[in-house]
Amino acid sequence: MKHFVWSMLLISIPMTGFAQNTWEQTETKKETVEKVVVVKPNPNQKYLKGAVPVVDGKVVFSKTFEAPGKSAFDIYNIIGKFFQDVTREPNQLNSKIVKADTTDYELGASYEEWLVFQSNAISLDRTRFYYVLKAVCQNGKVTVEMSHIKYFYEEERKPQRYKAEEWITDEEAVNKKNTKLLPITGKFRRKTIDRKDYLFNKIEDLLR
């Protein structure tokens, strides 16, 4: 009889009375799902306001590169060779070294090249791109400027000439909210900055 009663008691114990691993227990709480707002970076950020400096009314990109341990003469030779190499790139039209001063270690080069906006099987959108590179070399450093920037666009249809000061400045190429580039002037600004970055990055690499 006692055995029977004990058995009945065991049967009457709710199954929930048995211990479970925490990972086996049924969730009774509703999980709170928090929405995280993901802010996507603006792909145009590097091209927006402030990316095209204007000095005394002229667009001038300028940067001083450090070159520890190198003399002005060493730097002059490195930059001189680089300026010359650029004149031989496939996109060049009429480019040349215009100054090579071994007394003050100054260099200058004038470039006319193709700047391509878009190229595919059915269309080619490009402009003639003019600019001057100037380098002032000193012991341990060099200052390089890119200036006198101009464009000759659509020469085979409706030829148009533009100066950087009237075409790629903040006022001319960036929208008022400073969130994106304008359709036409913006593409000139973007590609000009890309070209400047390419040249300056190459100089930095050469001086390491």
Protein backbone atom coordinates (compact mmCIF):
# COMPACT_ATOMS: atom_id res chain seq x y z
CA MET A 1 0.00 0.00 0.00
CA LYS A 2 2.80 2.39 0.94
CA HIS A 3 4.54 1.51 -2.30
CA PHE A 4 1.37 2.33 -4.23
CA VAL A 5 0.90 5.71 -2.54
CA TRP A 6 4.54 6.64 -3.15
CA SER A 7 4.20 5.78 -6.80
CA MET A 8 1.10 7.95 -7.12
CA LEU A 9 2.89 10.86 -5.51
CA LEU A 10 5.71 10.57 -8.01
CA ILE A 11 3.27 10.56 -10.88
CA SER A 12 1.47 13.63 -9.56
CA ILE A 13 4.61 15.78 -9.43
CA PRO A 14 4.51 18.20 -12.39
CA MET A 15 7.14 17.61 -15.02
CA THR A 16 8.31 21.16 -14.49
CA GLY A 17 9.59 20.05 -11.15
CA PHE A 18 12.51 18.29 -12.78
CA ALA A 19 15.60 20.40 -13.19
CA GLN A 20 16.57 21.49 -16.70
CA ASN A 21 19.75 22.91 -18.16
CA THR A 22 19.41 26.61 -18.74
CA TRP A 23 19.72 26.03 -22.46
CA GLU A 24 16.85 23.54 -22.33
CA GLN A 25 14.40 25.81 -20.53
CA THR A 26 11.59 27.29 -22.56
CA GLU A 27 11.81 31.02 -22.92
CA THR A 28 8.84 32.66 -21.30
CA LYS A 29 10.00 36.21 -21.79
CA LYS A 30 9.68 38.03 -25.03
CA GLU A 31 13.01 39.08 -26.33
CA THR A 32 13.41 42.80 -26.74
CA VAL A 33 14.82 43.55 -30.14
CA GLU A 34 16.62 46.83 -30.30
CA LYS A 35 16.88 48.49 -33.66
CA VAL A 36 20.35 49.79 -34.31
CA VAL A 37 20.56 52.70 -36.69
CA VAL A 38 23.45 52.10 -39.07
CA VAL A 39 24.92 55.28 -40.47
CA LYS A 40 26.42 54.63 -43.87
CA PRO A 41 29.51 56.65 -44.77
CA ASN A 42 29.04 59.22 -47.51
CA PRO A 43 31.02 58.03 -50.56
CA ASN A 44 31.45 61.66 -51.59
CA GLN A 45 32.91 62.80 -48.26
CA LYS A 46 36.49 63.34 -49.45
CA TYR A 47 35.25 65.52 -52.32
CA LEU A 48 32.99 67.87 -50.34
CA LYS A 49 33.60 71.35 -48.91
CA GLY A 50 37.22 72.14 -48.15
CA ALA A 51 38.64 69.54 -50.54
CA VAL A 52 39.60 72.17 -53.13
CA PRO A 53 41.65 74.96 -51.49
CA VAL A 54 41.54 78.48 -52.89
CA VAL A 55 44.57 80.70 -52.15
CA ASP A 56 44.40 84.37 -53.16
CA GLY A 57 41.57 83.57 -55.54
CA LYS A 58 43.40 80.65 -57.18
CA VAL A 59 42.91 76.91 -56.78
CA VAL A 60 46.18 75.55 -55.39
CA PHE A 61 46.78 72.09 -53.98
CA SER A 62 49.89 72.11 -51.79
CA LYS A 63 51.61 69.60 -49.54
CA THR A 64 54.94 69.39 -47.74
CA PHE A 65 56.48 65.92 -47.74
CA GLU A 66 58.98 64.91 -45.09
CA ALA A 67 62.08 63.03 -46.24
CA PRO A 68 64.31 62.44 -43.19
CA GLY A 69 67.96 61.86 -43.99
CA LYS A 70 67.71 63.05 -47.59
CA SER A 71 69.48 66.19 -48.78
CA ALA A 72 67.88 68.84 -50.98
CA PHE A 73 70.01 67.50 -53.84
CA ASP A 74 68.76 63.93 -53.30
CA ILE A 75 65.14 65.06 -53.19
CA TYR A 76 65.62 67.26 -56.25
CA ASN A 77 66.79 64.25 -58.27
CA ILE A 78 63.94 62.04 -57.06
CA ILE A 79 61.25 64.62 -57.82
CA GLY A 80 62.87 65.60 -61.11
CA LYS A 81 62.77 62.01 -62.32
CA PHE A 82 59.17 61.63 -61.20
CA PHE A 83 58.06 64.82 -62.97
CA GLN A 84 59.78 63.55 -66.12
CA ASP A 85 58.20 60.09 -65.81
CA VAL A 86 54.73 61.65 -65.61
CA THR A 87 55.31 63.39 -68.97
CA ARG A 88 55.72 59.92 -70.52
CA GLU A 89 52.48 58.41 -69.23
CA PRO A 90 50.06 57.12 -71.93
CA ASN A 91 47.49 59.82 -71.16
CA GLN A 92 49.91 62.69 -71.82
CA LEU A 93 49.44 65.07 -74.77
CA ASN A 94 51.89 67.94 -74.50
CA SER A 95 53.76 67.88 -71.21
CA LYS A 96 57.26 69.00 -70.33
CA ILE A 97 59.67 70.13 -67.63
CA VAL A 98 59.74 73.94 -67.60
CA LYS A 99 62.09 74.61 -64.69
CA ALA A 100 65.11 72.78 -63.30
CA ASP A 101 67.05 75.06 -60.94
CA THR A 102 70.00 73.23 -59.41
CA THR A 103 70.99 76.30 -57.37
CA ASP A 104 67.77 76.69 -55.38
CA TYR A 105 66.68 73.09 -56.01
CA GLU A 106 63.38 74.07 -57.57
CA LEU A 107 61.48 72.20 -60.26
CA GLY A 108 58.49 72.98 -62.45
CA ALA A 109 56.53 70.97 -65.02
CA SER A 110 53.60 71.84 -67.27
CA TYR A 111 51.13 69.09 -68.13
CA GLU A 112 48.44 68.60 -70.73
CA GLU A 113 46.77 65.22 -70.50
CA TRP A 114 43.51 63.35 -70.92
CA LEU A 115 41.32 63.18 -67.84
CA VAL A 116 38.74 60.44 -68.42
CA PHE A 117 35.35 60.57 -66.69
CA GLN A 118 33.83 57.50 -68.30
CA SER A 119 34.90 55.05 -70.96
CA ASN A 120 32.98 52.06 -72.31
CA ALA A 121 32.14 50.33 -75.57
CA ILE A 122 29.66 52.97 -76.67
CA SER A 123 30.92 56.23 -75.22
CA LEU A 124 34.00 58.14 -74.12
CA ASP A 125 33.64 61.13 -71.82
CA ARG A 126 36.89 63.00 -71.22
CA THR A 127 38.51 66.42 -71.11
CA ARG A 128 41.89 67.90 -71.83
CA PHE A 129 43.37 68.66 -68.44
CA TYR A 130 46.05 71.29 -67.88
CA TYR A 131 48.04 71.94 -64.70
CA VAL A 132 51.45 72.89 -63.37
CA LEU A 133 53.48 71.05 -60.74
CA LYS A 134 56.08 72.98 -58.77
CA ALA A 135 58.54 71.59 -56.22
CA VAL A 136 60.79 73.43 -53.77
CA CYS A 137 63.33 71.04 -52.30
CA GLN A 138 65.11 71.46 -48.98
CA ASN A 139 67.13 69.19 -46.74
CA GLY A 140 64.72 66.63 -45.34
CA LYS A 141 61.58 67.88 -47.08
CA VAL A 142 59.93 69.17 -50.24
CA THR A 143 56.85 71.30 -50.87
CA VAL A 144 54.87 70.43 -53.99
CA GLU A 145 52.13 72.57 -55.51
CA MET A 146 49.57 71.77 -58.18
CA SER A 147 48.12 74.92 -59.75
CA HIS A 148 47.07 76.70 -62.99
CA ILE A 149 44.36 74.08 -63.47
CA LYS A 150 42.26 74.33 -66.65
CA TYR A 151 40.04 72.14 -68.81
CA PHE A 152 39.14 71.96 -72.50
CA TYR A 153 35.94 69.94 -72.80
CA GLU A 154 33.82 68.59 -75.67
CA GLU A 155 36.25 69.87 -78.26
CA GLU A 156 34.70 67.69 -80.97
CA ARG A 157 31.15 68.99 -80.37
CA LYS A 158 30.77 72.27 -78.50
CA PRO A 159 34.25 73.23 -77.28
CA GLN A 160 34.23 74.70 -73.79
CA ARG A 161 37.13 76.00 -71.72
CA TYR A 162 37.00 76.22 -67.95
CA LYS A 163 39.33 77.39 -65.21
CA ALA A 164 39.36 75.57 -61.90
CA GLU A 165 38.42 78.76 -60.06
CA GLU A 166 35.11 78.99 -61.93
CA TRP A 167 34.37 75.30 -62.15
CA ILE A 168 35.47 73.03 -59.27
CA THR A 169 35.34 75.22 -56.15
CA ASP A 170 32.96 74.53 -53.26
CA GLU A 171 30.50 77.11 -54.59
CA GLU A 172 30.46 75.68 -58.10
CA ALA A 173 30.61 71.92 -57.56
CA VAL A 174 29.08 71.05 -54.15
CA ASN A 175 25.39 71.23 -53.22
CA LYS A 176 24.24 73.67 -50.51
CA LYS A 177 23.71 70.91 -47.95
CA ASN A 178 27.29 69.71 -48.50
CA THR A 179 26.12 66.14 -49.05
CA LYS A 180 26.95 65.51 -52.70
CA LEU A 181 28.62 66.83 -55.82
CA LEU A 182 26.69 68.58 -58.57
CA PRO A 183 26.22 66.54 -61.78
CA ILE A 184 28.48 68.34 -64.27
CA THR A 185 31.02 70.38 -62.32
CA GLY A 186 31.13 67.63 -59.72
CA LYS A 187 32.69 65.12 -62.07
CA PHE A 188 35.50 67.56 -62.88
CA ARG A 189 36.09 68.17 -59.18
CA ARG A 190 36.11 64.45 -58.37
CA LYS A 191 38.57 63.46 -61.08
CA THR A 192 40.85 66.43 -60.39
CA ILE A 193 41.09 65.46 -56.72
CA ASP A 194 41.69 61.83 -57.69
CA ARG A 195 44.53 62.85 -60.00
CA LYS A 196 46.06 65.11 -57.35
CA ASP A 197 45.87 62.31 -54.78
CA TYR A 198 47.53 59.88 -57.18
CA LEU A 199 50.44 62.22 -57.86
CA PHE A 200 50.94 63.22 -54.23
CA ASN A 201 50.75 59.60 -53.04
CA LYS A 202 53.41 58.60 -55.58
CA ILE A 203 55.70 61.37 -54.33
CA GLU A 204 55.18 60.25 -50.74
CA ASP A 205 56.08 56.67 -51.67
CA LEU A 206 59.22 57.75 -53.53
CA LEU A 207 60.52 59.71 -50.55
CA ARG A 208 60.17 56.89 -48.01
